[in-house]
PDB file of N, CA and C in Angstrom:
ATOM      1  N   MET A   1       3.445   8.976  40.808  1.00  0.00           N
ATOM      2  CA  MET A   1       3.704   7.876  41.590  1.00  0.00           C
ATOM      3  C   MET A   1       2.943   6.684  41.145  1.00  0.00           C
ATOM      4  N   LEU A   2       3.686   5.698  40.873  1.00  0.00           N
ATOM      5  CA  LEU A   2       3.098   4.455  40.373  1.00  0.00           C
ATOM      6  C   LEU A   2       2.484   3.348  41.444  1.00  0.00           C
ATOM      7  N   THR A   3       1.568   2.527  41.263  1.00  0.00           N
ATOM      8  CA  THR A   3       1.225   1.448  42.291  1.00  0.00           C
ATOM      9  C   THR A   3       1.769   0.217  41.443  1.00  0.00           C
ATOM     10  N   GLN A   4       2.211  -0.582  41.879  1.00  0.00           N
ATOM     11  CA  GLN A   4       2.768  -1.756  41.400  1.00  0.00           C
ATOM     12  C   GLN A   4       1.401  -2.769  41.560  1.00  0.00           C
ATOM     13  N   THR A   5       1.337  -3.650  40.661  1.00  0.00           N
ATOM     14  CA  THR A   5       0.083  -4.601  40.249  1.00  0.00           C
ATOM     15  C   THR A   5       0.725  -6.008  40.616  1.00  0.00           C
ATOM     16  N   ARG A   6       0.078  -6.852  40.625  1.00  0.00           N
ATOM     17  CA  ARG A   6       0.332  -8.284  40.883  1.00  0.00           C
ATOM     18  C   ARG A   6       0.830  -8.806  39.445  1.00  0.00           C
ATOM     19  N   TYR A   7       0.946  -8.024  38.250  1.00  0.00           N
ATOM     20  CA  TYR A   7       1.533  -8.248  37.344  1.00  0.00           C
ATOM     21  C   TYR A   7       3.130  -7.630  37.048  1.00  0.00           C
ATOM     22  N   GLU A   8       3.810  -8.810  37.075  1.00  0.00           N
ATOM     23  CA  GLU A   8       5.288  -7.966  37.152  1.00  0.00           C
ATOM     24  C   GLU A   8       5.841  -6.975  36.427  1.00  0.00           C
ATOM     25  N   HIS A   9       5.183  -6.546  34.992  1.00  0.00           N
ATOM     26  CA  HIS A   9       5.700  -5.719  34.164  1.00  0.00           C
ATOM     27  C   HIS A   9       4.556  -4.405  34.126  1.00  0.00           C
ATOM     28  N   ILE A  10       3.429  -4.663  34.944  1.00  0.00           N
ATOM     29  CA  ILE A  10       2.314  -3.565  34.751  1.00  0.00           C
ATOM     30  C   ILE A  10       2.567  -2.667  35.940  1.00  0.00           C
ATOM     31  N   SER A  11       2.302  -1.389  35.807  1.00  0.00           N
ATOM     32  CA  SER A  11       2.164  -0.251  36.938  1.00  0.00           C
ATOM     33  C   SER A  11       1.077   0.371  36.751  1.00  0.00           C
ATOM     34  N   LEU A  12       0.331   1.076  37.628  1.00  0.00           N
ATOM     35  CA  LEU A  12      -0.804   1.826  37.558  1.00  0.00           C
ATOM     36  C   LEU A  12      -0.471   3.191  37.476  1.00  0.00           C
ATOM     37  N   THR A  13      -0.713   4.386  36.842  1.00  0.00           N
ATOM     38  CA  THR A  13      -0.498   5.885  37.013  1.00  0.00           C
ATOM     39  C   THR A  13      -1.210   6.078  38.125  1.00  0.00           C
ATOM     40  N   GLU A  14      -0.954   7.489  38.453  1.00  0.00           N
ATOM     41  CA  GLU A  14      -1.925   8.010  39.590  1.00  0.00           C
ATOM     42  C   GLU A  14      -3.431   7.940  39.023  1.00  0.00           C
ATOM     43  N   ASP A  15      -3.860   7.751  37.885  1.00  0.00           N
ATOM     44  CA  ASP A  15      -5.285   7.873  37.447  1.00  0.00           C
ATOM     45  C   ASP A  15      -5.521   6.720  37.200  1.00  0.00           C
ATOM     46  N   ASN A  16      -4.835   5.565  37.491  1.00  0.00           N
ATOM     47  CA  ASN A  16      -4.946   3.980  37.629  1.00  0.00           C
ATOM     48  C   ASN A  16      -5.224   3.722  35.904  1.00  0.00           C
ATOM     49  N   VAL A  17      -4.178   4.297  35.217  1.00  0.00           N
ATOM     50  CA  VAL A  17      -4.071   3.836  34.009  1.00  0.00           C
ATOM     51  C   VAL A  17      -3.079   2.936  33.742  1.00  0.00           C
ATOM     52  N   PRO A  18      -3.115   1.641  33.392  1.00  0.00           N
ATOM     53  CA  PRO A  18      -1.985   0.754  33.390  1.00  0.00           C
ATOM     54  C   PRO A  18      -0.984   0.816  32.165  1.00  0.00           C
ATOM     55  N   ILE A  19       0.003   0.957  32.723  1.00  0.00           N
ATOM     56  CA  ILE A  19       1.465   1.054  31.770  1.00  0.00           C
ATOM     57  C   ILE A  19       2.197  -0.006  31.794  1.00  0.00           C
ATOM     58  N   LEU A  20       3.190  -0.255  30.909  1.00  0.00           N
ATOM     59  CA  LEU A  20       4.314  -1.193  31.102  1.00  0.00           C
ATOM     60  C   LEU A  20       5.264  -0.436  31.946  1.00  0.00           C
ATOM     61  N   ALA A  21       5.631  -1.287  32.869  1.00  0.00           N
ATOM     62  CA  ALA A  21       6.582  -0.750  33.742  1.00  0.00           C
ATOM     63  C   ALA A  21       7.684  -0.180  33.018  1.00  0.00           C
ATOM     64  N   ASN A  22       8.427   0.858  33.765  1.00  0.00           N
ATOM     65  CA  ASN A  22       9.663   1.360  33.282  1.00  0.00           C
ATOM     66  C   ASN A  22       9.342   1.971  31.606  1.00  0.00           C
ATOM     67  N   THR A  23       8.277   2.247  31.426  1.00  0.00           N
ATOM     68  CA  THR A  23       7.969   2.569  29.906  1.00  0.00           C
ATOM     69  C   THR A  23       7.113   3.778  29.952  1.00  0.00           C
ATOM     70  N   THR A  24       6.539   4.432  28.966  1.00  0.00           N
ATOM     71  CA  THR A  24       5.426   5.508  29.049  1.00  0.00           C
ATOM     72  C   THR A  24       4.421   4.622  28.144  1.00  0.00           C
ATOM     73  N   MET A  25       4.385   3.425  27.717  1.00  0.00           N
ATOM     74  CA  MET A  25       3.492   3.055  26.813  1.00  0.00           C
ATOM     75  C   MET A  25       2.113   2.518  27.704  1.00  0.00           C
ATOM     76  N   LYS A  26       1.254   2.623  27.120  1.00  0.00           N
ATOM     77  CA  LYS A  26       0.019   2.307  27.947  1.00  0.00           C
ATOM     78  C   LYS A  26      -0.334   0.929  27.662  1.00  0.00           C
ATOM     79  N   VAL A  27      -0.981  -0.013  28.346  1.00  0.00           N
ATOM     80  CA  VAL A  27      -1.258  -1.197  27.953  1.00  0.00           C
ATOM     81  C   VAL A  27      -2.368  -1.194  26.784  1.00  0.00           C
ATOM     82  N   ILE A  28      -3.197  -0.461  26.820  1.00  0.00           N
ATOM     83  CA  ILE A  28      -4.404  -0.186  25.879  1.00  0.00           C
ATOM     84  C   ILE A  28      -3.845   0.151  24.345  1.00  0.00           C
ATOM     85  N   GLU A  29      -2.561   0.650  24.469  1.00  0.00           N
ATOM     86  CA  GLU A  29      -1.908   0.890  23.145  1.00  0.00           C
ATOM     87  C   GLU A  29      -1.348  -0.438  22.242  1.00  0.00           C
ATOM     88  N   LEU A  30      -0.826  -1.212  23.385  1.00  0.00           N
ATOM     89  CA  LEU A  30      -0.561  -2.360  22.888  1.00  0.00           C
ATOM     90  C   LEU A  30      -1.877  -3.354  22.372  1.00  0.00           C
ATOM     91  N   VAL A  31      -2.769  -3.078  23.295  1.00  0.00           N
ATOM     92  CA  VAL A  31      -3.777  -4.062  23.091  1.00  0.00           C
ATOM     93  C   VAL A  31      -4.432  -3.503  21.565  1.00  0.00           C
ATOM     94  N   LEU A  32      -4.561  -2.319  21.641  1.00  0.00           N
ATOM     95  CA  LEU A  32      -5.166  -1.808  20.210  1.00  0.00           C
ATOM     96  C   LEU A  32      -4.595  -2.454  19.050  1.00  0.00           C
ATOM     97  N   ALA A  33      -3.178  -2.316  19.048  1.00  0.00           N
ATOM     98  CA  ALA A  33      -2.188  -2.860  18.000  1.00  0.00           C
ATOM     99  C   ALA A  33      -2.519  -4.179  17.707  1.00  0.00           C
ATOM    100  N   ARG A  34      -2.658  -5.019  18.854  1.00  0.00           N
ATOM    101  CA  ARG A  34      -3.162  -6.509  18.738  1.00  0.00           C
ATOM    102  C   ARG A  34      -4.546  -6.778  18.150  1.00  0.00           C
ATOM    103  N   ILE A  35      -5.277  -5.972  18.675  1.00  0.00           N
ATOM    104  CA  ILE A  35      -6.690  -6.089  17.969  1.00  0.00           C
ATOM    105  C   ILE A  35      -6.640  -5.561  16.494  1.00  0.00           C
ATOM    106  N   ALA A  36      -6.173  -4.257  16.276  1.00  0.00           N
ATOM    107  CA  ALA A  36      -6.323  -4.001  14.932  1.00  0.00           C
ATOM    108  C   ALA A  36      -5.448  -4.848  14.003  1.00  0.00           C
ATOM    109  N   TYR A  37      -4.480  -5.274  14.229  1.00  0.00           N
ATOM    110  CA  TYR A  37      -3.631  -6.002  13.082  1.00  0.00           C
ATOM    111  C   TYR A  37      -3.583  -7.377  13.339  1.00  0.00           C
ATOM    112  N   GLY A  38      -3.991  -8.025  14.515  1.00  0.00           N
ATOM    113  CA  GLY A  38      -3.940  -9.403  14.641  1.00  0.00           C
ATOM    114  C   GLY A  38      -2.807  -9.960  15.041  1.00  0.00           C
ATOM    115  N   TRP A  39      -1.854  -8.987  15.534  1.00  0.00           N
ATOM    116  CA  TRP A  39      -0.380  -9.478  15.964  1.00  0.00           C
ATOM    117  C   TRP A  39      -0.302 -10.466  17.076  1.00  0.00           C
ATOM    118  N   SER A  40       0.732 -11.292  16.972  1.00  0.00           N
ATOM    119  CA  SER A  40       1.250 -12.447  17.956  1.00  0.00           C
ATOM    120  C   SER A  40       1.879 -11.699  18.695  1.00  0.00           C
ATOM    121  N   PRO A  41       1.990 -12.170  19.937  1.00  0.00           N
ATOM    122  CA  PRO A  41       3.116 -11.727  20.825  1.00  0.00           C
ATOM    123  C   PRO A  41       4.462 -11.094  20.033  1.00  0.00           C
ATOM    124  N   GLU A  42       4.907 -12.365  19.316  1.00  0.00           N
ATOM    125  CA  GLU A  42       6.302 -12.012  18.930  1.00  0.00           C
ATOM    126  C   GLU A  42       6.123 -11.151  17.795  1.00  0.00           C
ATOM    127  N   GLU A  43       5.029 -10.829  17.220  1.00  0.00           N
ATOM    128  CA  GLU A  43       4.835  -9.888  16.220  1.00  0.00           C
ATOM    129  C   GLU A  43       5.035  -8.589  16.801  1.00  0.00           C
ATOM    130  N   LEU A  44       4.159  -8.465  17.895  1.00  0.00           N
ATOM    131  CA  LEU A  44       4.200  -7.483  18.778  1.00  0.00           C
ATOM    132  C   LEU A  44       5.682  -6.825  19.371  1.00  0.00           C
ATOM    133  N   HIS A  45       6.093  -7.924  19.778  1.00  0.00           N
ATOM    134  CA  HIS A  45       7.760  -7.688  19.957  1.00  0.00           C
ATOM    135  C   HIS A  45       8.499  -7.102  18.726  1.00  0.00           C
ATOM    136  N   PHE A  46       8.649  -7.489  17.740  1.00  0.00           N
ATOM    137  CA  PHE A  46       9.051  -7.070  16.271  1.00  0.00           C
ATOM    138  C   PHE A  46       8.909  -5.695  16.078  1.00  0.00           C
ATOM    139  N   GLN A  47       7.538  -5.254  16.468  1.00  0.00           N
ATOM    140  CA  GLN A  47       7.008  -4.082  16.099  1.00  0.00           C
ATOM    141  C   GLN A  47       7.432  -3.014  17.235  1.00  0.00           C
ATOM    142  N   PHE A  48       7.669  -3.580  18.325  1.00  0.00           N
ATOM    143  CA  PHE A  48       7.888  -2.761  19.235  1.00  0.00           C
ATOM    144  C   PHE A  48       8.933  -3.271  20.050  1.00  0.00           C
ATOM    145  N   PRO A  49      10.373  -3.371  19.539  1.00  0.00           N
ATOM    146  CA  PRO A  49      11.355  -3.954  20.045  1.00  0.00           C
ATOM    147  C   PRO A  49      11.854  -3.504  21.266  1.00  0.00           C
ATOM    148  N   HIS A  50      11.444  -2.264  21.862  1.00  0.00           N
ATOM    149  CA  HIS A  50      12.007  -1.881  23.231  1.00  0.00           C
ATOM    150  C   HIS A  50      11.323  -2.453  24.209  1.00  0.00           C
ATOM    151  N   LEU A  51      10.031  -3.380  23.942  1.00  0.00           N
ATOM    152  CA  LEU A  51       9.643  -4.205  24.961  1.00  0.00           C
ATOM    153  C   LEU A  51      10.175  -5.472  24.696  1.00  0.00           C
ATOM    154  N   SER A  52       9.895  -6.083  25.913  1.00  0.00           N
ATOM    155  CA  SER A  52      10.643  -7.529  26.157  1.00  0.00           C
ATOM    156  C   SER A  52       9.183  -8.593  25.968  1.00  0.00           C
ATOM    157  N   LEU A  53       9.436  -9.549  25.608  1.00  0.00           N
ATOM    158  CA  LEU A  53       8.022 -10.514  25.427  1.00  0.00           C
ATOM    159  C   LEU A  53       7.593 -10.923  26.660  1.00  0.00           C
ATOM    160  N   GLY A  54       8.515 -10.562  27.641  1.00  0.00           N
ATOM    161  CA  GLY A  54       7.615 -10.703  29.191  1.00  0.00           C
ATOM    162  C   GLY A  54       6.765  -9.561  29.583  1.00  0.00           C
ATOM    163  N   GLN A  55       7.124  -8.396  29.036  1.00  0.00           N
ATOM    164  CA  GLN A  55       6.293  -7.380  29.359  1.00  0.00           C
ATOM    165  C   GLN A  55       5.121  -7.027  28.419  1.00  0.00           C
ATOM    166  N   ILE A  56       5.431  -7.852  27.041  1.00  0.00           N
ATOM    167  CA  ILE A  56       4.088  -8.135  26.153  1.00  0.00           C
ATOM    168  C   ILE A  56       3.224  -9.031  26.686  1.00  0.00           C
ATOM    169  N   HIS A  57       3.744 -10.242  27.085  1.00  0.00           N
ATOM    170  CA  HIS A  57       2.992 -11.027  27.522  1.00  0.00           C
ATOM    171  C   HIS A  57       1.962 -10.776  28.999  1.00  0.00           C
ATOM    172  N   SER A  58       2.828  -9.882  29.838  1.00  0.00           N
ATOM    173  CA  SER A  58       2.079  -9.514  31.224  1.00  0.00           C
ATOM    174  C   SER A  58       1.013  -8.560  30.644  1.00  0.00           C
ATOM    175  N   ALA A  59       1.609  -7.661  29.529  1.00  0.00           N
ATOM    176  CA  ALA A  59       0.300  -6.657  29.248  1.00  0.00           C
ATOM    177  C   ALA A  59      -1.155  -7.701  28.858  1.00  0.00           C
ATOM    178  N   LEU A  60      -0.789  -8.387  27.941  1.00  0.00           N
ATOM    179  CA  LEU A  60      -1.973  -9.139  27.355  1.00  0.00           C
ATOM    180  C   LEU A  60      -2.562  -9.925  28.337  1.00  0.00           C
ATOM    181  N   ALA A  61      -1.985 -10.698  29.451  1.00  0.00           N
ATOM    182  CA  ALA A  61      -2.601 -10.939  30.637  1.00  0.00           C
ATOM    183  C   ALA A  61      -3.300 -10.195  31.157  1.00  0.00           C
ATOM    184  N   TYR A  62      -3.075  -9.023  31.401  1.00  0.00           N
ATOM    185  CA  TYR A  62      -3.447  -7.945  31.963  1.00  0.00           C
ATOM    186  C   TYR A  62      -4.767  -7.542  31.533  1.00  0.00           C
ATOM    187  N   TYR A  63      -4.752  -7.400  30.164  1.00  0.00           N
ATOM    188  CA  TYR A  63      -5.847  -7.349  29.283  1.00  0.00           C
ATOM    189  C   TYR A  63      -6.951  -8.394  29.398  1.00  0.00           C
ATOM    190  N   TRP A  64      -6.547  -9.593  29.357  1.00  0.00           N
ATOM    191  CA  TRP A  64      -7.626 -10.796  29.441  1.00  0.00           C
ATOM    192  C   TRP A  64      -8.409 -10.718  30.723  1.00  0.00           C
ATOM    193  N   ASP A  65      -7.524 -10.292  31.613  1.00  0.00           N
ATOM    194  CA  ASP A  65      -8.086 -10.301  33.220  1.00  0.00           C
ATOM    195  C   ASP A  65      -9.005  -9.073  33.303  1.00  0.00           C
ATOM    196  N   HIS A  66      -8.961  -8.036  32.299  1.00  0.00           N
ATOM    197  CA  HIS A  66      -9.708  -7.041  32.660  1.00  0.00           C
ATOM    198  C   HIS A  66     -10.251  -6.486  31.353  1.00  0.00           C
ATOM    199  N   GLN A  67     -10.877  -7.368  30.746  1.00  0.00           N
ATOM    200  CA  GLN A  67     -11.181  -7.380  29.234  1.00  0.00           C
ATOM    201  C   GLN A  67     -12.502  -6.414  29.344  1.00  0.00           C
ATOM    202  N   GLU A  68     -13.299  -6.390  30.191  1.00  0.00           N
ATOM    203  CA  GLU A  68     -14.587  -5.644  30.070  1.00  0.00           C
ATOM    204  C   GLU A  68     -14.283  -4.302  30.105  1.00  0.00           C
ATOM    205  N   GLU A  69     -13.224  -3.965  31.157  1.00  0.00           N
ATOM    206  CA  GLU A  69     -12.849  -2.458  31.253  1.00  0.00           C
ATOM    207  C   GLU A  69     -12.461  -1.876  30.321  1.00  0.00           C
ATOM    208  N   PHE A  70     -11.244  -2.447  29.514  1.00  0.00           N
ATOM    209  CA  PHE A  70     -10.692  -2.637  28.392  1.00  0.00           C
ATOM    210  C   PHE A  70     -11.789  -2.277  27.073  1.00  0.00           C
ATOM    211  N   GLU A  71     -12.660  -3.046  26.721  1.00  0.00           N
ATOM    212  CA  GLU A  71     -13.680  -3.134  25.785  1.00  0.00           C
ATOM    213  C   GLU A  71     -14.801  -1.763  25.932  1.00  0.00           C
ATOM    214  N   GLN A  72     -14.917  -1.383  27.336  1.00  0.00           N
ATOM    215  CA  GLN A  72     -15.650  -0.133  27.455  1.00  0.00           C
ATOM    216  C   GLN A  72     -14.698   0.998  26.960  1.00  0.00           C
ATOM    217  N   GLU A  73     -13.666   1.246  27.542  1.00  0.00           N
ATOM    218  CA  GLU A  73     -12.718   2.273  27.110  1.00  0.00           C
ATOM    219  C   GLU A  73     -12.325   2.368  25.558  1.00  0.00           C
ATOM    220  N   ILE A  74     -12.186   1.204  25.091  1.00  0.00           N
ATOM    221  CA  ILE A  74     -11.942   1.251  23.482  1.00  0.00           C
ATOM    222  C   ILE A  74     -13.366   1.740  23.024  1.00  0.00           C
ATOM    223  N   GLU A  75     -14.581   1.378  23.325  1.00  0.00           N
ATOM    224  CA  GLU A  75     -16.006   1.792  22.688  1.00  0.00           C
ATOM    225  C   GLU A  75     -16.153   3.491  23.151  1.00  0.00           C
ATOM    226  N   ARG A  76     -15.610   3.700  24.143  1.00  0.00           N
ATOM    227  CA  ARG A  76     -15.597   5.189  24.592  1.00  0.00           C
ATOM    228  C   ARG A  76     -14.663   5.883  23.514  1.00  0.00           C
ATOM    229  N   ARG A  77     -13.388   5.599  23.214  1.00  0.00           N
ATOM    230  CA  ARG A  77     -12.727   6.219  22.043  1.00  0.00           C
ATOM    231  C   ARG A  77     -13.247   6.044  20.807  1.00  0.00           C
ATOM    232  N   LEU A  78     -13.873   4.895  20.398  1.00  0.00           N
ATOM    233  CA  LEU A  78     -14.256   4.877  19.191  1.00  0.00           C
ATOM    234  C   LEU A  78     -15.458   6.086  19.049  1.00  0.00           C
ATOM    235  N   ASP A  79     -16.431   5.998  20.008  1.00  0.00           N
ATOM    236  CA  ASP A  79     -17.657   6.879  20.291  1.00  0.00           C
ATOM    237  C   ASP A  79     -16.922   8.457  19.739  1.00  0.00           C
ATOM    238  N   ARG A  80     -15.830   8.480  20.648  1.00  0.00           N
ATOM    239  CA  ARG A  80     -15.095  10.012  20.498  1.00  0.00           C
ATOM    240  C   ARG A  80     -14.737  10.305  19.123  1.00  0.00           C
ATOM    241  N   VAL A  81     -14.278   9.229  18.560  1.00  0.00           N
ATOM    242  CA  VAL A  81     -13.695   9.531  17.071  1.00  0.00           C
ATOM    243  C   VAL A  81     -14.942   9.771  15.867  1.00  0.00           C
ATOM    244  N   ASP A  82     -15.757   9.165  16.177  1.00  0.00           N
ATOM    245  CA  ASP A  82     -17.169   9.176  15.542  1.00  0.00           C
ATOM    246  C   ASP A  82     -17.816  10.497  15.748  1.00  0.00           C
ATOM    247  N   ARG A  83     -17.830  10.991  16.984  1.00  0.00           N
ATOM    248  CA  ARG A  83     -18.580  12.234  17.163  1.00  0.00           C
ATOM    249  C   ARG A  83     -17.438  13.452  16.391  1.00  0.00           C
ATOM    250  N   LEU A  84     -16.175  13.285  16.695  1.00  0.00           N
ATOM    251  CA  LEU A  84     -15.237  14.121  16.228  1.00  0.00           C
ATOM    252  C   LEU A  84     -15.195  14.445  14.414  1.00  0.00           C
ATOM    253  N   GLN A  85     -15.172  13.265  13.874  1.00  0.00           N
ATOM    254  CA  GLN A  85     -15.658  12.989  12.515  1.00  0.00           C
ATOM    255  C   GLN A  85     -16.809  13.763  12.109  1.00  0.00           C
ATOM    256  N   ARG A  86     -18.078  13.277  12.622  1.00  0.00           N
ATOM    257  CA  ARG A  86     -19.151  14.069  12.167  1.00  0.00           C
ATOM    258  C   ARG A  86     -19.193  15.726  12.613  1.00  0.00           C
ATOM    259  N   GLN A  87     -18.342  16.237  13.333  1.00  0.00           N
ATOM    260  CA  GLN A  87     -18.238  17.565  13.690  1.00  0.00           C
ATOM    261  C   GLN A  87     -17.222  18.425  12.605  1.00  0.00           C
ATOM    262  N   ALA A  88     -16.207  17.155  12.016  1.00  0.00           N
ATOM    263  CA  ALA A  88     -15.205  18.140  11.161  1.00  0.00           C
ATOM    264  C   ALA A  88     -15.914  18.380   9.943  1.00  0.00           C
ATOM    265  N   GLU A  89     -15.232  19.438   9.615  1.00  0.00           N
ATOM    266  CA  GLU A  89     -15.336  19.860   7.979  1.00  0.00           C
ATOM    267  C   GLU A  89     -14.856  18.896   7.102  1.00  0.00           C
ATOM    268  N   PRO A  90     -15.477  18.521   5.846  1.00  0.00           N
ATOM    269  CA  PRO A  90     -14.704  17.737   5.075  1.00  0.00           C
ATOM    270  C   PRO A  90     -13.621  18.550   4.385  1.00  0.00           C
ATOM    271  N   SER A  91     -12.505  17.782   4.198  1.00  0.00           N
ATOM    272  CA  SER A  91     -11.385  18.408   3.782  1.00  0.00           C
ATOM    273  C   SER A  91     -11.565  18.893   2.050  1.00  0.00           C
ATOM    274  N   LEU A  92     -10.664  19.589   1.885  1.00  0.00           N
ATOM    275  CA  LEU A  92     -10.781  20.165   0.351  1.00  0.00           C
ATOM    276  C   LEU A  92     -10.542  18.948  -0.765  1.00  0.00           C
ATOM    277  N   LEU A  93      -9.728  18.059  -0.325  1.00  0.00           N
ATOM    278  CA  LEU A  93      -9.547  17.203  -1.342  1.00  0.00           C
ATOM    279  C   LEU A  93     -10.709  16.073  -1.227  1.00  0.00           C
ATOM    280  N   VAL A  94     -11.530  15.761  -0.256  1.00  0.00           N
ATOM    281  CA  VAL A  94     -12.938  15.090  -0.119  1.00  0.00           C
ATOM    282  C   VAL A  94     -13.685  15.837  -0.981  1.00  0.00           C
ATOM    283  N   ALA A  95     -13.867  16.971  -0.913  1.00  0.00           N
ATOM    284  CA  ALA A  95     -14.814  18.037  -1.765  1.00  0.00           C
ATOM    285  C   ALA A  95     -14.580  17.931  -3.144  1.00  0.00           C
ATOM    286  N   ARG A  96     -13.296  17.829  -3.445  1.00  0.00           N
ATOM    287  CA  ARG A  96     -12.948  17.729  -4.970  1.00  0.00           C
ATOM    288  C   ARG A  96     -13.053  16.475  -5.466  1.00  0.00           C
ATOM    289  N   LEU A  97     -12.815  15.572  -4.756  1.00  0.00           N
ATOM    290  CA  LEU A  97     -13.212  14.122  -5.440  1.00  0.00           C
ATOM    291  C   LEU A  97     -14.618  13.712  -5.259  1.00  0.00           C
ATOM    292  N   LYS A  98     -15.229  14.380  -4.468  1.00  0.00           N
ATOM    293  CA  LYS A  98     -16.918  14.177  -4.623  1.00  0.00           C
ATOM    294  C   LYS A  98     -17.370  15.021  -5.785  1.00  0.00           C
ATOM    295  N   GLU A  99     -16.952  16.377  -6.072  1.00  0.00           N
ATOM    296  CA  GLU A  99     -17.068  16.961  -7.130  1.00  0.00           C
ATOM    297  C   GLU A  99     -16.954  16.288  -8.657  1.00  0.00           C
ATOM    298  N   LYS A 100     -15.894  15.363  -8.639  1.00  0.00           N
ATOM    299  CA  LYS A 100     -15.540  14.729  -9.923  1.00  0.00           C
ATOM    300  C   LYS A 100     -16.309  13.331  -9.759  1.00  0.00           C
ATOM    301  N   GLY A 101     -17.084  13.221  -8.982  1.00  0.00           N
ATOM    302  CA  GLY A 101     -17.699  11.940  -8.789  1.00  0.00           C
ATOM    303  C   GLY A 101     -17.081  10.678  -8.370  1.00  0.00           C
ATOM    304  N   LEU A 102     -15.856  10.862  -7.693  1.00  0.00           N
ATOM    305  CA  LEU A 102     -14.966   9.957  -7.364  1.00  0.00           C
ATOM    306  C   LEU A 102     -15.064   9.455  -6.041  1.00  0.00           C
ATOM    307  N   LEU A 103     -16.021   9.674  -5.292  1.00  0.00           N
ATOM    308  CA  LEU A 103     -16.271   9.514  -3.795  1.00  0.00           C
ATOM    309  C   LEU A 103     -17.893   9.578  -3.903  1.00  0.00           C
TER     310      LEU A 103
END
């Protein structure tokens, strides 16, 4: 079951995760692409042609209106990645490169 928001193209899942309406794309996925690559709405549309500019602008407006929540979620995800990287064994390739003094 989805809950409509005041943003025309944004719905909330049962877990209150904002997604682009009529898609399975989470708003945070689009926001992370914007942050990571510095893409404009037009470039986001080029990269995600299944999304309309209206959907993209609505997702970005939702992000700006809920920026603190998104920043906390992004930080939580980065912490998890750091934790997993520390726990992971180095790959054979990394070990070989280190042996050769290339890393």
